[in-house]
């Protein structure tokens, strides 16, 4: 056999062997920040030699996408985003139950937090709700630093606040559900009507208000404070505020989509993201969420749940489809259309 032929045969053998090592593919729907989604996808792909296709959208939008695709699922696993729409997806039969062996390393309240209580979702991180204030703008306008939810309704902050819309954002739904749990539903909607008068924009994304506050496009941005901590770490003049009355928090969901085409890789991804190694990946790109794995490093920039005043957030009640739909519909009818 000629040397060239031998070389080609050897090349084919090497190529075939490397192809045999490849372990298929995985389609991830991600509701974290795009750069964090990509970091996780790249880390999993490299570790397990799996080709990962990642699509990023907010938690509300991702739920709608999974619902629309229920008869022909395109995604395999849903990573991140507030737990409420994950819970809704589980109750509506859109998710695959999976009790990962890694749950032994996960804090008790995060092991099986979704409404169905059938291991449709696990908690992959936690984050505290609050707001950030651009201190340069505050100083320029010679205004006092707001310290509570009630402060945000004061007339001196008119047109200076951004928050997302609960119709598209899981973050904003957490704001809505937090107010109802703090005040009771009727008082909560009176509060939201007053807050509405000071809002300059309802954004689609829950992280957008913090970015706008960082750039000085608004003075105050409401959202999960780990998103705002990223902006502060990047040098923007932000002060992060945990409201004095107490506040809600999120559990980031991690779920396998029912009918996933790549089921084994979906389970492998869940195992990876529940490990300390997996939960530390977003930290490398300045995502300062609190990990749920008890062995994972907690970023020094993270606001720890045990160091702030939190409400006893009812993830089961406020993650139910009935409550979620009721509160969002009421907000859309009574708050959103009101002139300001």
C-alpha atoms as a PDB file:
ATOM      1  CA  UNK A   1       0.000   0.000   0.000  1.00  0.00           C
ATOM      2  CA  UNK A   2       1.320   3.442  -0.895  1.00  0.00           C
ATOM      3  CA  UNK A   3       2.318   5.798   1.905  1.00  0.00           C
ATOM      4  CA  UNK A   4      -0.390   8.258   0.885  1.00  0.00           C
ATOM      5  CA  UNK A   5      -3.026   5.555   1.113  1.00  0.00           C
ATOM      6  CA  UNK A   6      -1.754   4.446   4.517  1.00  0.00           C
ATOM      7  CA  UNK A   7      -1.889   8.073   5.704  1.00  0.00           C
ATOM      8  CA  UNK A   8      -5.486   8.429   4.520  1.00  0.00           C
ATOM      9  CA  UNK A   9      -6.509   5.204   6.262  1.00  0.00           C
ATOM     10  CA  UNK A  10      -4.862   6.351   9.502  1.00  0.00           C
ATOM     11  CA  UNK A  11      -6.514   9.762   9.203  1.00  0.00           C
ATOM     12  CA  UNK A  12      -9.897   8.076   8.760  1.00  0.00           C
ATOM     13  CA  UNK A  13      -9.326   5.883  11.815  1.00  0.00           C
ATOM     14  CA  UNK A  14      -8.408   8.923  13.949  1.00  0.00           C
ATOM     15  CA  UNK A  15     -11.451  10.841  12.681  1.00  0.00           C
ATOM     16  CA  UNK A  16     -13.763   7.888  13.297  1.00  0.00           C
ATOM     17  CA  UNK A  17     -12.382   7.420  16.795  1.00  0.00           C
ATOM     18  CA  UNK A  18     -12.862  11.080  17.692  1.00  0.00           C
ATOM     19  CA  UNK A  19     -16.395  11.005  16.292  1.00  0.00           C
ATOM     20  CA  UNK A  20     -17.157   7.942  18.381  1.00  0.00           C
ATOM     21  CA  UNK A  21     -16.136   9.876  21.502  1.00  0.00           C
ATOM     22  CA  UNK A  22     -18.685  12.602  20.811  1.00  0.00           C
ATOM     23  CA  UNK A  23     -21.722  12.143  23.038  1.00  0.00           C
ATOM     24  CA  UNK A  24     -24.467  13.722  20.968  1.00  0.00           C
ATOM     25  CA  UNK A  25     -26.103  17.098  21.410  1.00  0.00           C
ATOM     26  CA  UNK A  26     -28.207  19.156  23.786  1.00  0.00           C
ATOM     27  CA  UNK A  27     -30.626  22.057  23.276  1.00  0.00           C
ATOM     28  CA  UNK A  28     -30.675  24.440  26.249  1.00  0.00           C
ATOM     29  CA  UNK A  29     -33.306  27.136  26.784  1.00  0.00           C
ATOM     30  CA  UNK A  30     -31.644  29.617  29.118  1.00  0.00           C
ATOM     31  CA  UNK A  31     -33.209  32.457  31.130  1.00  0.00           C
ATOM     32  CA  UNK A  32     -30.041  33.810  32.707  1.00  0.00           C
ATOM     33  CA  UNK A  33     -27.955  36.673  31.323  1.00  0.00           C
ATOM     34  CA  UNK A  34     -26.690  35.786  27.804  1.00  0.00           C
ATOM     35  CA  UNK A  35     -23.012  35.728  28.778  1.00  0.00           C
ATOM     36  CA  UNK A  36     -23.744  33.446  31.750  1.00  0.00           C
ATOM     37  CA  UNK A  37     -25.822  31.152  29.518  1.00  0.00           C
ATOM     38  CA  UNK A  38     -22.929  30.907  27.084  1.00  0.00           C
ATOM     39  CA  UNK A  39     -20.382  30.247  29.824  1.00  0.00           C
ATOM     40  CA  UNK A  40     -22.458  27.351  31.157  1.00  0.00           C
ATOM     41  CA  UNK A  41     -23.067  25.930  27.670  1.00  0.00           C
ATOM     42  CA  UNK A  42     -19.355  26.091  26.852  1.00  0.00           C
ATOM     43  CA  UNK A  43     -18.287  24.498  30.150  1.00  0.00           C
ATOM     44  CA  UNK A  44     -20.734  21.600  29.785  1.00  0.00           C
ATOM     45  CA  UNK A  45     -19.843  21.100  26.121  1.00  0.00           C
ATOM     46  CA  UNK A  46     -16.126  20.974  26.891  1.00  0.00           C
ATOM     47  CA  UNK A  47     -16.455  18.665  29.895  1.00  0.00           C
ATOM     48  CA  UNK A  48     -18.734  16.094  28.255  1.00  0.00           C
ATOM     49  CA  UNK A  49     -17.956  16.527  24.551  1.00  0.00           C
ATOM     50  CA  UNK A  50     -21.594  17.352  23.828  1.00  0.00           C
ATOM     51  CA  UNK A  51     -22.617  19.796  21.100  1.00  0.00           C
ATOM     52  CA  UNK A  52     -24.760  22.405  22.852  1.00  0.00           C
ATOM     53  CA  UNK A  53     -27.262  24.667  21.122  1.00  0.00           C
ATOM     54  CA  UNK A  54     -28.295  27.472  23.463  1.00  0.00           C
ATOM     55  CA  UNK A  55     -31.264  29.836  23.086  1.00  0.00           C
ATOM     56  CA  UNK A  56     -31.650  32.720  25.539  1.00  0.00           C
ATOM     57  CA  UNK A  57     -34.939  34.390  26.484  1.00  0.00           C
ATOM     58  CA  UNK A  58     -36.701  35.577  29.633  1.00  0.00           C
ATOM     59  CA  UNK A  59     -38.500  33.111  31.863  1.00  0.00           C
ATOM     60  CA  UNK A  60     -42.008  34.198  30.824  1.00  0.00           C
ATOM     61  CA  UNK A  61     -41.102  34.036  27.144  1.00  0.00           C
ATOM     62  CA  UNK A  62     -39.401  30.667  27.587  1.00  0.00           C
ATOM     63  CA  UNK A  63     -42.477  29.218  29.273  1.00  0.00           C
ATOM     64  CA  UNK A  64     -44.621  30.429  26.366  1.00  0.00           C
ATOM     65  CA  UNK A  65     -42.172  28.839  23.906  1.00  0.00           C
ATOM     66  CA  UNK A  66     -42.203  25.474  25.687  1.00  0.00           C
ATOM     67  CA  UNK A  67     -46.009  25.580  25.845  1.00  0.00           C
ATOM     68  CA  UNK A  68     -46.235  26.340  22.112  1.00  0.00           C
ATOM     69  CA  UNK A  69     -43.888  23.433  21.332  1.00  0.00           C
ATOM     70  CA  UNK A  70     -45.530  20.897  23.655  1.00  0.00           C
ATOM     71  CA  UNK A  71     -46.621  18.586  20.820  1.00  0.00           C
ATOM     72  CA  UNK A  72     -43.197  18.711  19.192  1.00  0.00           C
ATOM     73  CA  UNK A  73     -40.569  19.710  21.782  1.00  0.00           C
ATOM     74  CA  UNK A  74     -37.514  21.445  20.362  1.00  0.00           C
ATOM     75  CA  UNK A  75     -35.659  22.052  23.640  1.00  0.00           C
ATOM     76  CA  UNK A  76     -34.211  19.534  26.086  1.00  0.00           C
ATOM     77  CA  UNK A  77     -33.555  21.477  29.267  1.00  0.00           C
ATOM     78  CA  UNK A  78     -34.560  24.833  30.746  1.00  0.00           C
ATOM     79  CA  UNK A  79     -31.873  26.524  32.824  1.00  0.00           C
ATOM     80  CA  UNK A  80     -32.383  29.556  35.073  1.00  0.00           C
ATOM     81  CA  UNK A  81     -35.134  32.138  35.367  1.00  0.00           C
ATOM     82  CA  UNK A  82     -37.546  32.556  38.263  1.00  0.00           C
ATOM     83  CA  UNK A  83     -39.147  29.422  39.640  1.00  0.00           C
ATOM     84  CA  UNK A  84     -42.772  30.520  39.100  1.00  0.00           C
ATOM     85  CA  UNK A  85     -42.991  29.792  35.346  1.00  0.00           C
ATOM     86  CA  UNK A  86     -41.006  26.570  35.858  1.00  0.00           C
ATOM     87  CA  UNK A  87     -43.665  25.599  38.420  1.00  0.00           C
ATOM     88  CA  UNK A  88     -46.422  26.444  35.970  1.00  0.00           C
ATOM     89  CA  UNK A  89     -44.754  24.333  33.289  1.00  0.00           C
ATOM     90  CA  UNK A  90     -44.516  21.380  35.679  1.00  0.00           C
ATOM     91  CA  UNK A  91     -48.156  21.563  36.743  1.00  0.00           C
ATOM     92  CA  UNK A  92     -49.202  21.758  33.085  1.00  0.00           C
ATOM     93  CA  UNK A  93     -47.345  18.589  32.165  1.00  0.00           C
ATOM     94  CA  UNK A  94     -44.566  20.252  30.169  1.00  0.00           C
ATOM     95  CA  UNK A  95     -41.652  18.960  32.255  1.00  0.00           C
ATOM     96  CA  UNK A  96     -40.041  15.588  32.957  1.00  0.00           C
ATOM     97  CA  UNK A  97     -39.674  14.555  36.627  1.00  0.00           C
ATOM     98  CA  UNK A  98     -36.039  13.958  37.556  1.00  0.00           C
ATOM     99  CA  UNK A  99     -34.534  13.558  41.024  1.00  0.00           C
ATOM    100  CA  UNK A 100     -30.852  14.057  40.344  1.00  0.00           C
ATOM    101  CA  UNK A 101     -28.342  12.175  42.504  1.00  0.00           C
ATOM    102  CA  UNK A 102     -26.727  15.595  43.051  1.00  0.00           C
ATOM    103  CA  UNK A 103     -29.698  16.691  45.178  1.00  0.00           C
ATOM    104  CA  UNK A 104     -27.825  15.311  48.190  1.00  0.00           C
ATOM    105  CA  UNK A 105     -25.565  18.394  47.964  1.00  0.00           C
ATOM    106  CA  UNK A 106     -28.411  20.903  47.532  1.00  0.00           C
ATOM    107  CA  UNK A 107     -29.926  22.941  50.375  1.00  0.00           C
ATOM    108  CA  UNK A 108     -33.216  21.482  51.581  1.00  0.00           C
ATOM    109  CA  UNK A 109     -35.521  24.297  50.379  1.00  0.00           C
ATOM    110  CA  UNK A 110     -34.059  24.097  46.871  1.00  0.00           C
ATOM    111  CA  UNK A 111     -34.278  20.330  46.288  1.00  0.00           C
ATOM    112  CA  UNK A 112     -37.913  20.127  45.155  1.00  0.00           C
ATOM    113  CA  UNK A 113     -39.340  23.659  45.398  1.00  0.00           C
ATOM    114  CA  UNK A 114     -41.837  23.739  42.515  1.00  0.00           C
ATOM    115  CA  UNK A 115     -45.601  23.593  42.973  1.00  0.00           C
ATOM    116  CA  UNK A 116     -46.098  20.011  41.728  1.00  0.00           C
ATOM    117  CA  UNK A 117     -43.678  18.539  44.327  1.00  0.00           C
ATOM    118  CA  UNK A 118     -42.795  15.840  41.783  1.00  0.00           C
ATOM    119  CA  UNK A 119     -39.175  16.848  41.107  1.00  0.00           C
ATOM    120  CA  UNK A 120     -40.117  18.706  37.941  1.00  0.00           C
ATOM    121  CA  UNK A 121     -37.640  21.472  38.859  1.00  0.00           C
ATOM    122  CA  UNK A 122     -34.690  21.971  41.172  1.00  0.00           C
ATOM    123  CA  UNK A 123     -33.285  25.228  42.514  1.00  0.00           C
ATOM    124  CA  UNK A 124     -29.958  26.106  40.914  1.00  0.00           C
ATOM    125  CA  UNK A 125     -29.355  29.522  42.534  1.00  0.00           C
ATOM    126  CA  UNK A 126     -31.061  32.161  44.667  1.00  0.00           C
ATOM    127  CA  UNK A 127     -31.219  35.938  44.399  1.00  0.00           C
ATOM    128  CA  UNK A 128     -32.572  38.788  46.538  1.00  0.00           C
ATOM    129  CA  UNK A 129     -35.097  41.306  45.186  1.00  0.00           C
ATOM    130  CA  UNK A 130     -34.436  45.008  45.691  1.00  0.00           C
ATOM    131  CA  UNK A 131     -33.347  48.062  43.737  1.00  0.00           C
ATOM    132  CA  UNK A 132     -30.254  50.011  42.794  1.00  0.00           C
ATOM    133  CA  UNK A 133     -29.799  53.776  42.814  1.00  0.00           C
ATOM    134  CA  UNK A 134     -27.425  55.706  40.564  1.00  0.00           C
ATOM    135  CA  UNK A 135     -25.593  57.811  43.140  1.00  0.00           C
ATOM    136  CA  UNK A 136     -24.340  60.336  40.564  1.00  0.00           C
ATOM    137  CA  UNK A 137     -27.881  61.104  39.430  1.00  0.00           C
ATOM    138  CA  UNK A 138     -29.080  61.158  43.044  1.00  0.00           C
ATOM    139  CA  UNK A 139     -26.425  63.732  43.931  1.00  0.00           C
ATOM    140  CA  UNK A 140     -27.111  65.782  40.792  1.00  0.00           C
ATOM    141  CA  UNK A 141     -30.809  66.005  41.678  1.00  0.00           C
ATOM    142  CA  UNK A 142     -30.033  66.581  45.374  1.00  0.00           C
ATOM    143  CA  UNK A 143     -32.458  63.868  46.504  1.00  0.00           C
ATOM    144  CA  UNK A 144     -32.397  61.620  49.595  1.00  0.00           C
ATOM    145  CA  UNK A 145     -31.460  57.945  49.199  1.00  0.00           C
ATOM    146  CA  UNK A 146     -34.623  55.800  49.197  1.00  0.00           C
ATOM    147  CA  UNK A 147     -34.408  52.980  51.728  1.00  0.00           C
ATOM    148  CA  UNK A 148     -37.794  51.237  51.542  1.00  0.00           C
ATOM    149  CA  UNK A 149     -40.467  50.122  49.106  1.00  0.00           C
ATOM    150  CA  UNK A 150     -42.673  52.920  50.438  1.00  0.00           C
ATOM    151  CA  UNK A 151     -40.009  55.521  49.673  1.00  0.00           C
ATOM    152  CA  UNK A 152     -40.284  54.684  45.970  1.00  0.00           C
ATOM    153  CA  UNK A 153     -43.815  56.117  45.858  1.00  0.00           C
ATOM    154  CA  UNK A 154     -42.735  59.595  47.029  1.00  0.00           C
ATOM    155  CA  UNK A 155     -43.453  62.350  44.482  1.00  0.00           C
ATOM    156  CA  UNK A 156     -39.814  63.465  44.337  1.00  0.00           C
ATOM    157  CA  UNK A 157     -38.973  60.249  42.470  1.00  0.00           C
ATOM    158  CA  UNK A 158     -41.577  60.777  39.740  1.00  0.00           C
ATOM    159  CA  UNK A 159     -40.330  59.518  36.375  1.00  0.00           C
ATOM    160  CA  UNK A 160     -37.132  58.140  37.902  1.00  0.00           C
ATOM    161  CA  UNK A 161     -37.923  54.440  38.322  1.00  0.00           C
ATOM    162  CA  UNK A 162     -37.737  51.489  35.957  1.00  0.00           C
ATOM    163  CA  UNK A 163     -39.120  48.012  36.554  1.00  0.00           C
ATOM    164  CA  UNK A 164     -39.975  45.202  34.171  1.00  0.00           C
ATOM    165  CA  UNK A 165     -43.474  44.180  33.122  1.00  0.00           C
ATOM    166  CA  UNK A 166     -44.847  41.057  34.834  1.00  0.00           C
ATOM    167  CA  UNK A 167     -46.397  40.098  31.502  1.00  0.00           C
ATOM    168  CA  UNK A 168     -42.947  39.235  30.142  1.00  0.00           C
ATOM    169  CA  UNK A 169     -40.627  39.085  33.142  1.00  0.00           C
ATOM    170  CA  UNK A 170     -40.353  36.590  35.976  1.00  0.00           C
ATOM    171  CA  UNK A 171     -38.449  39.220  37.940  1.00  0.00           C
ATOM    172  CA  UNK A 172     -41.391  41.615  37.740  1.00  0.00           C
ATOM    173  CA  UNK A 173     -43.825  38.879  38.742  1.00  0.00           C
ATOM    174  CA  UNK A 174     -41.684  38.325  41.834  1.00  0.00           C
ATOM    175  CA  UNK A 175     -42.085  42.052  42.605  1.00  0.00           C
ATOM    176  CA  UNK A 176     -45.846  41.700  42.216  1.00  0.00           C
ATOM    177  CA  UNK A 177     -46.040  38.541  44.351  1.00  0.00           C
ATOM    178  CA  UNK A 178     -43.753  40.074  46.979  1.00  0.00           C
ATOM    179  CA  UNK A 179     -46.028  43.107  47.393  1.00  0.00           C
ATOM    180  CA  UNK A 180     -49.090  40.889  47.765  1.00  0.00           C
ATOM    181  CA  UNK A 181     -47.338  38.835  50.451  1.00  0.00           C
ATOM    182  CA  UNK A 182     -46.062  41.951  52.245  1.00  0.00           C
ATOM    183  CA  UNK A 183     -49.286  43.946  52.187  1.00  0.00           C
ATOM    184  CA  UNK A 184     -52.199  41.735  51.202  1.00  0.00           C
ATOM    185  CA  UNK A 185     -53.647  41.896  47.695  1.00  0.00           C
ATOM    186  CA  UNK A 186     -55.818  45.012  47.946  1.00  0.00           C
ATOM    187  CA  UNK A 187     -53.167  47.127  49.668  1.00  0.00           C
ATOM    188  CA  UNK A 188     -50.557  45.788  47.268  1.00  0.00           C
ATOM    189  CA  UNK A 189     -52.494  47.043  44.251  1.00  0.00           C
ATOM    190  CA  UNK A 190     -52.984  50.434  45.904  1.00  0.00           C
ATOM    191  CA  UNK A 191     -49.217  50.524  46.370  1.00  0.00           C
ATOM    192  CA  UNK A 192     -48.551  49.481  42.755  1.00  0.00           C
ATOM    193  CA  UNK A 193     -50.888  52.236  41.541  1.00  0.00           C
ATOM    194  CA  UNK A 194     -48.813  54.812  43.452  1.00  0.00           C
ATOM    195  CA  UNK A 195     -45.530  53.298  42.251  1.00  0.00           C
ATOM    196  CA  UNK A 196     -46.856  53.395  38.678  1.00  0.00           C
ATOM    197  CA  UNK A 197     -46.907  57.207  38.822  1.00  0.00           C
ATOM    198  CA  UNK A 198     -43.128  57.227  39.314  1.00  0.00           C
ATOM    199  CA  UNK A 199     -42.264  54.617  36.661  1.00  0.00           C
ATOM    200  CA  UNK A 200     -40.782  55.966  33.433  1.00  0.00           C
ATOM    201  CA  UNK A 201     -40.730  52.597  31.637  1.00  0.00           C
ATOM    202  CA  UNK A 202     -41.807  48.988  32.062  1.00  0.00           C
ATOM    203  CA  UNK A 203     -39.086  46.935  30.410  1.00  0.00           C
ATOM    204  CA  UNK A 204     -39.420  43.507  28.840  1.00  0.00           C
ATOM    205  CA  UNK A 205     -36.389  42.064  30.633  1.00  0.00           C
ATOM    206  CA  UNK A 206     -35.983  41.884  34.399  1.00  0.00           C
ATOM    207  CA  UNK A 207     -32.296  42.817  34.252  1.00  0.00           C
ATOM    208  CA  UNK A 208     -32.827  45.888  32.019  1.00  0.00           C
ATOM    209  CA  UNK A 209     -33.729  48.357  34.824  1.00  0.00           C
ATOM    210  CA  UNK A 210     -30.413  47.726  36.589  1.00  0.00           C
ATOM    211  CA  UNK A 211     -28.498  48.312  33.363  1.00  0.00           C
ATOM    212  CA  UNK A 212     -30.441  51.526  32.743  1.00  0.00           C
ATOM    213  CA  UNK A 213     -29.715  52.755  36.270  1.00  0.00           C
ATOM    214  CA  UNK A 214     -26.026  51.945  35.790  1.00  0.00           C
ATOM    215  CA  UNK A 215     -25.909  54.105  32.651  1.00  0.00           C
ATOM    216  CA  UNK A 216     -27.857  56.940  34.285  1.00  0.00           C
ATOM    217  CA  UNK A 217     -30.840  56.497  31.960  1.00  0.00           C
ATOM    218  CA  UNK A 218     -32.991  56.156  35.068  1.00  0.00           C
ATOM    219  CA  UNK A 219     -32.115  56.873  38.677  1.00  0.00           C
ATOM    220  CA  UNK A 220     -33.654  53.752  40.215  1.00  0.00           C
ATOM    221  CA  UNK A 221     -33.898  50.238  38.795  1.00  0.00           C
ATOM    222  CA  UNK A 222     -35.895  47.476  40.497  1.00  0.00           C
ATOM    223  CA  UNK A 223     -34.775  43.868  40.110  1.00  0.00           C
ATOM    224  CA  UNK A 224     -32.676  41.034  41.493  1.00  0.00           C
ATOM    225  CA  UNK A 225     -29.644  42.533  43.130  1.00  0.00           C
ATOM    226  CA  UNK A 226     -27.116  40.065  41.715  1.00  0.00           C
ATOM    227  CA  UNK A 227     -27.814  41.612  38.282  1.00  0.00           C
ATOM    228  CA  UNK A 228     -27.146  45.064  39.715  1.00  0.00           C
ATOM    229  CA  UNK A 229     -24.034  43.855  41.569  1.00  0.00           C
ATOM    230  CA  UNK A 230     -22.566  42.962  38.176  1.00  0.00           C
ATOM    231  CA  UNK A 231     -23.006  46.560  37.013  1.00  0.00           C
ATOM    232  CA  UNK A 232     -21.458  47.858  40.233  1.00  0.00           C
ATOM    233  CA  UNK A 233     -18.509  45.464  39.840  1.00  0.00           C
ATOM    234  CA  UNK A 234     -18.004  46.895  36.345  1.00  0.00           C
ATOM    235  CA  UNK A 235     -17.475  50.333  37.854  1.00  0.00           C
ATOM    236  CA  UNK A 236     -20.895  51.962  37.564  1.00  0.00           C
ATOM    237  CA  UNK A 237     -21.999  54.304  40.420  1.00  0.00           C
ATOM    238  CA  UNK A 238     -24.719  52.154  41.966  1.00  0.00           C
ATOM    239  CA  UNK A 239     -25.846  51.642  45.544  1.00  0.00           C
ATOM    240  CA  UNK A 240     -27.793  48.430  46.125  1.00  0.00           C
ATOM    241  CA  UNK A 241     -30.781  48.634  48.468  1.00  0.00           C
ATOM    242  CA  UNK A 242     -32.594  45.808  50.254  1.00  0.00           C
ATOM    243  CA  UNK A 243     -35.905  47.516  51.227  1.00  0.00           C
ATOM    244  CA  UNK A 244     -36.415  48.068  54.936  1.00  0.00           C
ATOM    245  CA  UNK A 245     -39.864  46.407  55.095  1.00  0.00           C
ATOM    246  CA  UNK A 246     -38.389  43.128  53.869  1.00  0.00           C
ATOM    247  CA  UNK A 247     -38.347  41.642  50.408  1.00  0.00           C
ATOM    248  CA  UNK A 248     -38.872  38.571  48.290  1.00  0.00           C
ATOM    249  CA  UNK A 249     -36.304  36.440  46.591  1.00  0.00           C
ATOM    250  CA  UNK A 250     -36.060  34.127  43.651  1.00  0.00           C
ATOM    251  CA  UNK A 251     -35.099  30.522  43.232  1.00  0.00           C
ATOM    252  CA  UNK A 252     -33.591  29.942  39.815  1.00  0.00           C
ATOM    253  CA  UNK A 253     -35.221  26.930  38.191  1.00  0.00           C
ATOM    254  CA  UNK A 254     -33.619  23.972  36.434  1.00  0.00           C
ATOM    255  CA  UNK A 255     -35.968  21.663  34.531  1.00  0.00           C
ATOM    256  CA  UNK A 256     -36.003  18.960  31.864  1.00  0.00           C
ATOM    257  CA  UNK A 257     -38.545  19.486  29.107  1.00  0.00           C
ATOM    258  CA  UNK A 258     -41.000  16.617  28.636  1.00  0.00           C
ATOM    259  CA  UNK A 259     -40.311  14.701  25.427  1.00  0.00           C
ATOM    260  CA  UNK A 260     -36.714  15.953  25.266  1.00  0.00           C
ATOM    261  CA  UNK A 261     -34.970  14.445  22.258  1.00  0.00           C
ATOM    262  CA  UNK A 262     -31.682  14.226  24.128  1.00  0.00           C
ATOM    263  CA  UNK A 263     -32.939  12.975  27.476  1.00  0.00           C
ATOM    264  CA  UNK A 264     -29.711  11.437  28.790  1.00  0.00           C
ATOM    265  CA  UNK A 265     -27.744  14.583  28.041  1.00  0.00           C
ATOM    266  CA  UNK A 266     -30.500  16.660  29.636  1.00  0.00           C
ATOM    267  CA  UNK A 267     -30.134  14.643  32.857  1.00  0.00           C
ATOM    268  CA  UNK A 268     -26.366  14.961  32.637  1.00  0.00           C
ATOM    269  CA  UNK A 269     -26.710  18.740  32.294  1.00  0.00           C
ATOM    270  CA  UNK A 270     -28.968  18.902  35.372  1.00  0.00           C
ATOM    271  CA  UNK A 271     -26.438  16.832  37.342  1.00  0.00           C
ATOM    272  CA  UNK A 272     -23.651  19.176  36.213  1.00  0.00           C
ATOM    273  CA  UNK A 273     -25.529  22.375  37.081  1.00  0.00           C
ATOM    274  CA  UNK A 274     -26.432  21.035  40.524  1.00  0.00           C
ATOM    275  CA  UNK A 275     -22.769  20.295  41.238  1.00  0.00           C
ATOM    276  CA  UNK A 276     -20.469  22.803  42.911  1.00  0.00           C
ATOM    277  CA  UNK A 277     -18.368  22.854  39.750  1.00  0.00           C
ATOM    278  CA  UNK A 278     -21.352  23.735  37.553  1.00  0.00           C
ATOM    279  CA  UNK A 279     -22.729  26.404  39.891  1.00  0.00           C
ATOM    280  CA  UNK A 280     -19.361  28.138  40.063  1.00  0.00           C
ATOM    281  CA  UNK A 281     -19.193  28.588  36.258  1.00  0.00           C
ATOM    282  CA  UNK A 282     -21.392  31.751  36.155  1.00  0.00           C
ATOM    283  CA  UNK A 283     -19.244  33.303  38.874  1.00  0.00           C
ATOM    284  CA  UNK A 284     -16.340  33.378  36.447  1.00  0.00           C
ATOM    285  CA  UNK A 285     -18.308  35.846  34.297  1.00  0.00           C
ATOM    286  CA  UNK A 286     -19.462  37.978  37.267  1.00  0.00           C
ATOM    287  CA  UNK A 287     -22.871  36.464  37.911  1.00  0.00           C
ATOM    288  CA  UNK A 288     -23.240  36.902  41.658  1.00  0.00           C
ATOM    289  CA  UNK A 289     -26.186  34.649  42.433  1.00  0.00           C
ATOM    290  CA  UNK A 290     -26.130  32.537  45.599  1.00  0.00           C
ATOM    291  CA  UNK A 291     -25.455  28.886  44.719  1.00  0.00           C
ATOM    292  CA  UNK A 292     -27.773  26.207  46.097  1.00  0.00           C
ATOM    293  CA  UNK A 293     -25.050  23.550  46.269  1.00  0.00           C
ATOM    294  CA  UNK A 294     -23.808  23.619  49.846  1.00  0.00           C
ATOM    295  CA  UNK A 295     -20.231  22.900  48.720  1.00  0.00           C
ATOM    296  CA  UNK A 296     -20.045  25.680  46.123  1.00  0.00           C
ATOM    297  CA  UNK A 297     -18.164  28.914  46.631  1.00  0.00           C
ATOM    298  CA  UNK A 298     -20.393  31.911  47.406  1.00  0.00           C
ATOM    299  CA  UNK A 299     -19.201  35.069  45.603  1.00  0.00           C
ATOM    300  CA  UNK A 300     -18.197  37.853  48.005  1.00  0.00           C
ATOM    301  CA  UNK A 301     -20.392  40.224  45.948  1.00  0.00           C
ATOM    302  CA  UNK A 302     -23.497  38.075  46.491  1.00  0.00           C
ATOM    303  CA  UNK A 303     -26.199  39.231  48.904  1.00  0.00           C
ATOM    304  CA  UNK A 304     -26.702  36.212  51.141  1.00  0.00           C
ATOM    305  CA  UNK A 305     -30.235  35.273  52.063  1.00  0.00           C
ATOM    306  CA  UNK A 306     -29.393  34.885  55.757  1.00  0.00           C
ATOM    307  CA  UNK A 307     -28.016  38.434  56.018  1.00  0.00           C
ATOM    308  CA  UNK A 308     -31.102  40.408  54.915  1.00  0.00           C
ATOM    309  CA  UNK A 309     -34.756  40.691  55.921  1.00  0.00           C
ATOM    310  CA  UNK A 310     -36.752  38.340  53.706  1.00  0.00           C
ATOM    311  CA  UNK A 311     -40.447  37.545  53.618  1.00  0.00           C
ATOM    312  CA  UNK A 312     -41.503  33.913  53.921  1.00  0.00           C
ATOM    313  CA  UNK A 313     -42.050  33.699  50.165  1.00  0.00           C
ATOM    314  CA  UNK A 314     -44.647  31.055  49.272  1.00  0.00           C
ATOM    315  CA  UNK A 315     -43.261  29.504  46.085  1.00  0.00           C
ATOM    316  CA  UNK A 316     -46.035  26.924  45.872  1.00  0.00           C
ATOM    317  CA  UNK A 317     -48.986  29.322  46.166  1.00  0.00           C
ATOM    318  CA  UNK A 318     -47.514  32.099  44.044  1.00  0.00           C
ATOM    319  CA  UNK A 319     -46.022  29.654  41.564  1.00  0.00           C
ATOM    320  CA  UNK A 320     -49.440  28.199  40.763  1.00  0.00           C
ATOM    321  CA  UNK A 321     -50.965  28.935  37.371  1.00  0.00           C
ATOM    322  CA  UNK A 322     -54.156  30.293  38.936  1.00  0.00           C
ATOM    323  CA  UNK A 323     -52.438  32.818  41.198  1.00  0.00           C
ATOM    324  CA  UNK A 324     -49.883  33.848  38.607  1.00  0.00           C
ATOM    325  CA  UNK A 325     -52.525  34.421  35.907  1.00  0.00           C
ATOM    326  CA  UNK A 326     -54.834  36.237  38.335  1.00  0.00           C
ATOM    327  CA  UNK A 327     -52.201  38.712  39.543  1.00  0.00           C
ATOM    328  CA  UNK A 328     -50.734  39.416  36.104  1.00  0.00           C
ATOM    329  CA  UNK A 329     -54.188  39.891  34.562  1.00  0.00           C
ATOM    330  CA  UNK A 330     -55.188  42.238  37.361  1.00  0.00           C
ATOM    331  CA  UNK A 331     -51.971  44.267  36.930  1.00  0.00           C
ATOM    332  CA  UNK A 332     -52.551  44.475  33.164  1.00  0.00           C
ATOM    333  CA  UNK A 333     -56.115  45.760  33.681  1.00  0.00           C
ATOM    334  CA  UNK A 334     -55.736  48.030  36.713  1.00  0.00           C
ATOM    335  CA  UNK A 335     -52.158  49.352  36.640  1.00  0.00           C
ATOM    336  CA  UNK A 336     -50.631  49.243  33.175  1.00  0.00           C
ATOM    337  CA  UNK A 337     -53.260  51.348  31.308  1.00  0.00           C
ATOM    338  CA  UNK A 338     -53.425  54.155  33.881  1.00  0.00           C
ATOM    339  CA  UNK A 339     -52.030  57.494  32.658  1.00  0.00           C
ATOM    340  CA  UNK A 340     -48.921  58.754  34.385  1.00  0.00           C
END
